[in-house]
Amino acid sequence: MVLKAKKTRRDHEQKNLAIEAASKEETTRLNAEIPVSLHNKVKMRAIEEGKGSSITNIVIKALEAYLDTPVSKD
């Protein structure tokens, strides 16, 4: 019987971070003026969704959903 050292949680997290960093798409900054009330609602939603959620993630999802809708030609 061969005993192996147990991998620590940190090793797994570091591996995932390295993979994410290697495959991360280049980004650019987007500045937009929005009502304070809307910003507060988005911020509260990010807090409600918990760890891993951010205003940035919510905006990216919203923009992707917007771009997935067909353009209406009236």
PDB file of N, CA and C in Angstrom:
ATOM      1  N   MET A   1       0.842  -1.185   0.000  1.00  0.00           N
ATOM      2  CA  MET A   1       0.000   0.000   0.000  1.00  0.00           C
ATOM      3  C   MET A   1       0.886   1.246   0.000  1.00  0.00           C
ATOM      4  N   VAL A   2       0.582   2.176  -0.912  1.00  0.00           N
ATOM      5  CA  VAL A   2       1.362   3.398  -1.026  1.00  0.00           C
ATOM      6  C   VAL A   2       0.529   4.547  -0.484  1.00  0.00           C
ATOM      7  N   LEU A   3       1.120   5.303   0.420  1.00  0.00           N
ATOM      8  CA  LEU A   3       0.441   6.458   0.990  1.00  0.00           C
ATOM      9  C   LEU A   3       0.778   7.693   0.173  1.00  0.00           C
ATOM     10  N   LYS A   4      -0.223   8.474  -0.116  1.00  0.00           N
ATOM     11  CA  LYS A   4      -0.016   9.707  -0.871  1.00  0.00           C
ATOM     12  C   LYS A   4      -0.436  10.885  -0.015  1.00  0.00           C
ATOM     13  N   ALA A   5       0.273  11.967  -0.190  1.00  0.00           N
ATOM     14  CA  ALA A   5      -0.077  13.177   0.552  1.00  0.00           C
ATOM     15  C   ALA A   5      -1.398  13.721   0.032  1.00  0.00           C
ATOM     16  N   LYS A   6      -2.224  14.131   0.946  1.00  0.00           N
ATOM     17  CA  LYS A   6      -3.519  14.693   0.577  1.00  0.00           C
ATOM     18  C   LYS A   6      -3.317  16.097   0.015  1.00  0.00           C
ATOM     19  N   LYS A   7      -3.951  16.375  -1.111  1.00  0.00           N
ATOM     20  CA  LYS A   7      -3.864  17.711  -1.674  1.00  0.00           C
ATOM     21  C   LYS A   7      -4.652  18.663  -0.798  1.00  0.00           C
ATOM     22  N   THR A   8      -4.072  19.813  -0.579  1.00  0.00           N
ATOM     23  CA  THR A   8      -4.763  20.794   0.244  1.00  0.00           C
ATOM     24  C   THR A   8      -5.746  21.575  -0.602  1.00  0.00           C
ATOM     25  N   ARG A   9      -6.673  22.175   0.047  1.00  0.00           N
ATOM     26  CA  ARG A   9      -7.678  22.982  -0.636  1.00  0.00           C
ATOM     27  C   ARG A   9      -7.012  24.139  -1.376  1.00  0.00           C
ATOM     28  N   ARG A  10      -5.964  24.666  -0.757  1.00  0.00           N
ATOM     29  CA  ARG A  10      -5.271  25.806  -1.356  1.00  0.00           C
ATOM     30  C   ARG A  10      -4.662  25.431  -2.700  1.00  0.00           C
ATOM     31  N   ASP A  11      -4.088  24.230  -2.799  1.00  0.00           N
ATOM     32  CA  ASP A  11      -3.504  23.786  -4.061  1.00  0.00           C
ATOM     33  C   ASP A  11      -4.561  23.772  -5.156  1.00  0.00           C
ATOM     34  N   HIS A  12      -5.744  23.275  -4.827  1.00  0.00           N
ATOM     35  CA  HIS A  12      -6.834  23.200  -5.799  1.00  0.00           C
ATOM     36  C   HIS A  12      -7.266  24.604  -6.221  1.00  0.00           C
ATOM     37  N   GLU A  13      -7.385  25.520  -5.263  1.00  0.00           N
ATOM     38  CA  GLU A  13      -7.797  26.888  -5.570  1.00  0.00           C
ATOM     39  C   GLU A  13      -6.755  27.587  -6.427  1.00  0.00           C
ATOM     40  N   GLN A  14      -5.481  27.371  -6.120  1.00  0.00           N
ATOM     41  CA  GLN A  14      -4.414  27.995  -6.903  1.00  0.00           C
ATOM     42  C   GLN A  14      -4.422  27.467  -8.336  1.00  0.00           C
ATOM     43  N   LYS A  15      -4.682  26.190  -8.494  1.00  0.00           N
ATOM     44  CA  LYS A  15      -4.751  25.599  -9.833  1.00  0.00           C
ATOM     45  C   LYS A  15      -5.894  26.228 -10.623  1.00  0.00           C
ATOM     46  N   ASN A  16      -7.065  26.348  -9.987  1.00  0.00           N
ATOM     47  CA  ASN A  16      -8.218  26.946 -10.665  1.00  0.00           C
ATOM     48  C   ASN A  16      -7.951  28.399 -11.036  1.00  0.00           C
ATOM     49  N   LEU A  17      -7.298  29.150 -10.148  1.00  0.00           N
ATOM     50  CA  LEU A  17      -6.978  30.543 -10.444  1.00  0.00           C
ATOM     51  C   LEU A  17      -5.999  30.642 -11.608  1.00  0.00           C
ATOM     52  N   ALA A  18      -5.030  29.740 -11.652  1.00  0.00           N
ATOM     53  CA  ALA A  18      -4.055  29.739 -12.742  1.00  0.00           C
ATOM     54  C   ALA A  18      -4.731  29.430 -14.074  1.00  0.00           C
ATOM     55  N   ILE A  19      -5.639  28.461 -14.070  1.00  0.00           N
ATOM     56  CA  ILE A  19      -6.366  28.109 -15.293  1.00  0.00           C
ATOM     57  C   ILE A  19      -7.229  29.276 -15.745  1.00  0.00           C
ATOM     58  N   GLU A  20      -7.917  29.899 -14.799  1.00  0.00           N
ATOM     59  CA  GLU A  20      -8.774  31.042 -15.126  1.00  0.00           C
ATOM     60  C   GLU A  20      -7.950  32.195 -15.688  1.00  0.00           C
ATOM     61  N   ALA A  21      -6.804  32.469 -15.078  1.00  0.00           N
ATOM     62  CA  ALA A  21      -5.955  33.567 -15.538  1.00  0.00           C
ATOM     63  C   ALA A  21      -5.423  33.301 -16.942  1.00  0.00           C
ATOM     64  N   ALA A  22      -5.090  32.055 -17.224  1.00  0.00           N
ATOM     65  CA  ALA A  22      -4.540  31.703 -18.531  1.00  0.00           C
ATOM     66  C   ALA A  22      -5.584  31.794 -19.634  1.00  0.00           C
ATOM     67  N   SER A  23      -6.837  31.554 -19.288  1.00  0.00           N
ATOM     68  CA  SER A  23      -7.881  31.538 -20.307  1.00  0.00           C
ATOM     69  C   SER A  23      -8.738  32.806 -20.301  1.00  0.00           C
ATOM     70  N   LYS A  24      -8.379  33.769 -19.466  1.00  0.00           N
ATOM     71  CA  LYS A  24      -9.177  34.980 -19.339  1.00  0.00           C
ATOM     72  C   LYS A  24      -9.024  35.870 -20.566  1.00  0.00           C
ATOM     73  N   GLU A  25     -10.153  36.301 -21.069  1.00  0.00           N
ATOM     74  CA  GLU A  25     -10.153  37.194 -22.230  1.00  0.00           C
ATOM     75  C   GLU A  25      -9.701  38.576 -21.800  1.00  0.00           C
ATOM     76  N   GLU A  26      -9.021  39.263 -22.688  1.00  0.00           N
ATOM     77  CA  GLU A  26      -8.598  40.633 -22.409  1.00  0.00           C
ATOM     78  C   GLU A  26      -9.838  41.496 -22.181  1.00  0.00           C
ATOM     79  N   THR A  27      -9.733  42.465 -21.298  1.00  0.00           N
ATOM     80  CA  THR A  27     -10.886  43.298 -20.970  1.00  0.00           C
ATOM     81  C   THR A  27     -10.612  44.763 -21.308  1.00  0.00           C
ATOM     82  N   THR A  28     -11.679  45.528 -21.306  1.00  0.00           N
ATOM     83  CA  THR A  28     -11.597  46.972 -21.471  1.00  0.00           C
ATOM     84  C   THR A  28     -12.568  47.602 -20.483  1.00  0.00           C
ATOM     85  N   ARG A  29     -12.331  48.841 -20.145  1.00  0.00           N
ATOM     86  CA  ARG A  29     -13.171  49.524 -19.160  1.00  0.00           C
ATOM     87  C   ARG A  29     -14.364  50.165 -19.855  1.00  0.00           C
ATOM     88  N   LEU A  30     -15.533  50.071 -19.228  1.00  0.00           N
ATOM     89  CA  LEU A  30     -16.759  50.685 -19.727  1.00  0.00           C
ATOM     90  C   LEU A  30     -17.272  51.622 -18.643  1.00  0.00           C
ATOM     91  N   ASN A  31     -17.406  52.889 -18.974  1.00  0.00           N
ATOM     92  CA  ASN A  31     -17.945  53.864 -18.030  1.00  0.00           C
ATOM     93  C   ASN A  31     -19.317  54.301 -18.529  1.00  0.00           C
ATOM     94  N   ALA A  32     -20.273  54.325 -17.625  1.00  0.00           N
ATOM     95  CA  ALA A  32     -21.617  54.754 -17.999  1.00  0.00           C
ATOM     96  C   ALA A  32     -22.245  55.506 -16.838  1.00  0.00           C
ATOM     97  N   GLU A  33     -22.945  56.555 -17.160  1.00  0.00           N
ATOM     98  CA  GLU A  33     -23.691  57.308 -16.150  1.00  0.00           C
ATOM     99  C   GLU A  33     -25.047  56.635 -15.976  1.00  0.00           C
ATOM    100  N   ILE A  34     -25.329  56.158 -14.765  1.00  0.00           N
ATOM    101  CA  ILE A  34     -26.622  55.534 -14.479  1.00  0.00           C
ATOM    102  C   ILE A  34     -27.196  56.160 -13.214  1.00  0.00           C
ATOM    103  N   PRO A  35     -28.505  56.098 -13.042  1.00  0.00           N
ATOM    104  CA  PRO A  35     -29.106  56.651 -11.830  1.00  0.00           C
ATOM    105  C   PRO A  35     -28.570  55.943 -10.579  1.00  0.00           C
ATOM    106  N   VAL A  36     -28.397  56.704  -9.525  1.00  0.00           N
ATOM    107  CA  VAL A  36     -27.903  56.157  -8.266  1.00  0.00           C
ATOM    108  C   VAL A  36     -28.818  55.036  -7.778  1.00  0.00           C
ATOM    109  N   SER A  37     -30.124  55.208  -7.956  1.00  0.00           N
ATOM    110  CA  SER A  37     -31.060  54.186  -7.491  1.00  0.00           C
ATOM    111  C   SER A  37     -30.837  52.858  -8.215  1.00  0.00           C
ATOM    112  N   LEU A  38     -30.541  52.912  -9.517  1.00  0.00           N
ATOM    113  CA  LEU A  38     -30.268  51.697 -10.274  1.00  0.00           C
ATOM    114  C   LEU A  38     -28.959  51.056  -9.810  1.00  0.00           C
ATOM    115  N   HIS A  39     -27.945  51.859  -9.598  1.00  0.00           N
ATOM    116  CA  HIS A  39     -26.667  51.353  -9.100  1.00  0.00           C
ATOM    117  C   HIS A  39     -26.861  50.648  -7.759  1.00  0.00           C
ATOM    118  N   ASN A  40     -27.646  51.259  -6.882  1.00  0.00           N
ATOM    119  CA  ASN A  40     -27.888  50.658  -5.568  1.00  0.00           C
ATOM    120  C   ASN A  40     -28.619  49.321  -5.692  1.00  0.00           C
ATOM    121  N   LYS A  41     -29.565  49.235  -6.603  1.00  0.00           N
ATOM    122  CA  LYS A  41     -30.298  47.982  -6.810  1.00  0.00           C
ATOM    123  C   LYS A  41     -29.370  46.880  -7.328  1.00  0.00           C
ATOM    124  N   VAL A  42     -28.497  47.243  -8.269  1.00  0.00           N
ATOM    125  CA  VAL A  42     -27.554  46.260  -8.812  1.00  0.00           C
ATOM    126  C   VAL A  42     -26.575  45.810  -7.735  1.00  0.00           C
ATOM    127  N   LYS A  43     -26.107  46.752  -6.943  1.00  0.00           N
ATOM    128  CA  LYS A  43     -25.171  46.431  -5.865  1.00  0.00           C
ATOM    129  C   LYS A  43     -25.819  45.492  -4.843  1.00  0.00           C
ATOM    130  N   MET A  44     -27.073  45.769  -4.495  1.00  0.00           N
ATOM    131  CA  MET A  44     -27.789  44.910  -3.547  1.00  0.00           C
ATOM    132  C   MET A  44     -27.981  43.506  -4.120  1.00  0.00           C
ATOM    133  N   ARG A  45     -28.275  43.400  -5.412  1.00  0.00           N
ATOM    134  CA  ARG A  45     -28.441  42.090  -6.049  1.00  0.00           C
ATOM    135  C   ARG A  45     -27.128  41.311  -5.994  1.00  0.00           C
ATOM    136  N   ALA A  46     -26.024  41.985  -6.248  1.00  0.00           N
ATOM    137  CA  ALA A  46     -24.717  41.320  -6.181  1.00  0.00           C
ATOM    138  C   ALA A  46     -24.460  40.788  -4.778  1.00  0.00           C
ATOM    139  N   ILE A  47     -24.830  41.547  -3.775  1.00  0.00           N
ATOM    140  CA  ILE A  47     -24.661  41.111  -2.384  1.00  0.00           C
ATOM    141  C   ILE A  47     -25.568  39.923  -2.095  1.00  0.00           C
ATOM    142  N   GLU A  48     -26.820  39.988  -2.562  1.00  0.00           N
ATOM    143  CA  GLU A  48     -27.774  38.896  -2.344  1.00  0.00           C
ATOM    144  C   GLU A  48     -27.310  37.604  -3.006  1.00  0.00           C
ATOM    145  N   GLU A  49     -26.711  37.715  -4.203  1.00  0.00           N
ATOM    146  CA  GLU A  49     -26.248  36.537  -4.932  1.00  0.00           C
ATOM    147  C   GLU A  49     -25.027  35.912  -4.276  1.00  0.00           C
ATOM    148  N   GLY A  50     -24.320  36.687  -3.500  1.00  0.00           N
ATOM    149  CA  GLY A  50     -23.223  36.135  -2.706  1.00  0.00           C
ATOM    150  C   GLY A  50     -21.881  36.111  -3.407  1.00  0.00           C
ATOM    151  N   LYS A  51     -21.024  35.308  -2.825  1.00  0.00           N
ATOM    152  CA  LYS A  51     -19.632  35.216  -3.264  1.00  0.00           C
ATOM    153  C   LYS A  51     -19.549  34.890  -4.757  1.00  0.00           C
ATOM    154  N   GLY A  52     -18.653  35.587  -5.430  1.00  0.00           N
ATOM    155  CA  GLY A  52     -18.472  35.335  -6.852  1.00  0.00           C
ATOM    156  C   GLY A  52     -19.306  36.242  -7.730  1.00  0.00           C
ATOM    157  N   SER A  53     -20.284  36.904  -7.139  1.00  0.00           N
ATOM    158  CA  SER A  53     -21.106  37.814  -7.924  1.00  0.00           C
ATOM    159  C   SER A  53     -20.606  39.238  -7.701  1.00  0.00           C
ATOM    160  N   SER A  54     -20.646  40.030  -8.733  1.00  0.00           N
ATOM    161  CA  SER A  54     -20.219  41.421  -8.634  1.00  0.00           C
ATOM    162  C   SER A  54     -21.048  42.254  -9.605  1.00  0.00           C
ATOM    163  N   ILE A  55     -20.948  43.550  -9.442  1.00  0.00           N
ATOM    164  CA  ILE A  55     -21.638  44.443 -10.363  1.00  0.00           C
ATOM    165  C   ILE A  55     -21.138  44.176 -11.785  1.00  0.00           C
ATOM    166  N   THR A  56     -19.850  43.966 -11.931  1.00  0.00           N
ATOM    167  CA  THR A  56     -19.275  43.679 -13.246  1.00  0.00           C
ATOM    168  C   THR A  56     -19.910  42.445 -13.862  1.00  0.00           C
ATOM    169  N   ASN A  57     -20.020  41.364 -13.088  1.00  0.00           N
ATOM    170  CA  ASN A  57     -20.624  40.130 -13.607  1.00  0.00           C
ATOM    171  C   ASN A  57     -22.078  40.353 -14.015  1.00  0.00           C
ATOM    172  N   ILE A  58     -22.801  41.115 -13.221  1.00  0.00           N
ATOM    173  CA  ILE A  58     -24.208  41.381 -13.530  1.00  0.00           C
ATOM    174  C   ILE A  58     -24.324  42.200 -14.818  1.00  0.00           C
ATOM    175  N   VAL A  59     -23.475  43.210 -14.979  1.00  0.00           N
ATOM    176  CA  VAL A  59     -23.509  44.034 -16.189  1.00  0.00           C
ATOM    177  C   VAL A  59     -23.145  43.195 -17.411  1.00  0.00           C
ATOM    178  N   ILE A  60     -22.132  42.336 -17.289  1.00  0.00           N
ATOM    179  CA  ILE A  60     -21.745  41.476 -18.415  1.00  0.00           C
ATOM    180  C   ILE A  60     -22.907  40.572 -18.813  1.00  0.00           C
ATOM    181  N   LYS A  61     -23.566  39.945 -17.831  1.00  0.00           N
ATOM    182  CA  LYS A  61     -24.710  39.073 -18.131  1.00  0.00           C
ATOM    183  C   LYS A  61     -25.832  39.856 -18.804  1.00  0.00           C
ATOM    184  N   ALA A  62     -26.101  41.066 -18.310  1.00  0.00           N
ATOM    185  CA  ALA A  62     -27.173  41.888 -18.882  1.00  0.00           C
ATOM    186  C   ALA A  62     -26.847  42.282 -20.314  1.00  0.00           C
ATOM    187  N   LEU A  63     -25.604  42.661 -20.586  1.00  0.00           N
ATOM    188  CA  LEU A  63     -25.220  43.038 -21.946  1.00  0.00           C
ATOM    189  C   LEU A  63     -25.259  41.841 -22.887  1.00  0.00           C
ATOM    190  N   GLU A  64     -24.828  40.680 -22.408  1.00  0.00           N
ATOM    191  CA  GLU A  64     -24.893  39.469 -23.240  1.00  0.00           C
ATOM    192  C   GLU A  64     -26.340  39.113 -23.571  1.00  0.00           C
ATOM    193  N   ALA A  65     -27.229  39.230 -22.580  1.00  0.00           N
ATOM    194  CA  ALA A  65     -28.647  38.946 -22.813  1.00  0.00           C
ATOM    195  C   ALA A  65     -29.221  39.941 -23.827  1.00  0.00           C
ATOM    196  N   TYR A  66     -28.856  41.194 -23.697  1.00  0.00           N
ATOM    197  CA  TYR A  66     -29.320  42.224 -24.634  1.00  0.00           C
ATOM    198  C   TYR A  66     -28.859  41.910 -26.057  1.00  0.00           C
ATOM    199  N   LEU A  67     -27.602  41.521 -26.196  1.00  0.00           N
ATOM    200  CA  LEU A  67     -27.053  41.245 -27.523  1.00  0.00           C
ATOM    201  C   LEU A  67     -27.585  39.941 -28.120  1.00  0.00           C
ATOM    202  N   ASP A  68     -28.117  39.064 -27.285  1.00  0.00           N
ATOM    203  CA  ASP A  68     -28.701  37.808 -27.767  1.00  0.00           C
ATOM    204  C   ASP A  68     -30.101  38.006 -28.337  1.00  0.00           C
ATOM    205  N   THR A  69     -30.713  39.161 -28.088  1.00  0.00           N
ATOM    206  CA  THR A  69     -32.061  39.403 -28.611  1.00  0.00           C
ATOM    207  C   THR A  69     -31.950  39.923 -30.039  1.00  0.00           C
ATOM    208  N   PRO A  70     -32.853  39.501 -30.901  1.00  0.00           N
ATOM    209  CA  PRO A  70     -32.801  39.949 -32.294  1.00  0.00           C
ATOM    210  C   PRO A  70     -33.070  41.434 -32.410  1.00  0.00           C
ATOM    211  N   VAL A  71     -32.466  42.045 -33.409  1.00  0.00           N
ATOM    212  CA  VAL A  71     -32.682  43.462 -33.670  1.00  0.00           C
ATOM    213  C   VAL A  71     -34.021  43.593 -34.374  1.00  0.00           C
ATOM    214  N   SER A  72     -34.884  44.460 -33.841  1.00  0.00           N
ATOM    215  CA  SER A  72     -36.186  44.657 -34.497  1.00  0.00           C
ATOM    216  C   SER A  72     -36.034  45.760 -35.531  1.00  0.00           C
ATOM    217  N   LYS A  73     -36.506  45.476 -36.737  1.00  0.00           N
ATOM    218  CA  LYS A  73     -36.422  46.453 -37.838  1.00  0.00           C
ATOM    219  C   LYS A  73     -37.812  46.965 -38.128  1.00  0.00           C
ATOM    220  N   ASP A  74     -38.140  48.060 -37.451  1.00  0.00           N
ATOM    221  CA  ASP A  74     -39.483  48.648 -37.617  1.00  0.00           C
ATOM    222  C   ASP A  74     -39.576  49.523 -38.820  1.00  0.00           C
TER     223      ASP A  74
END
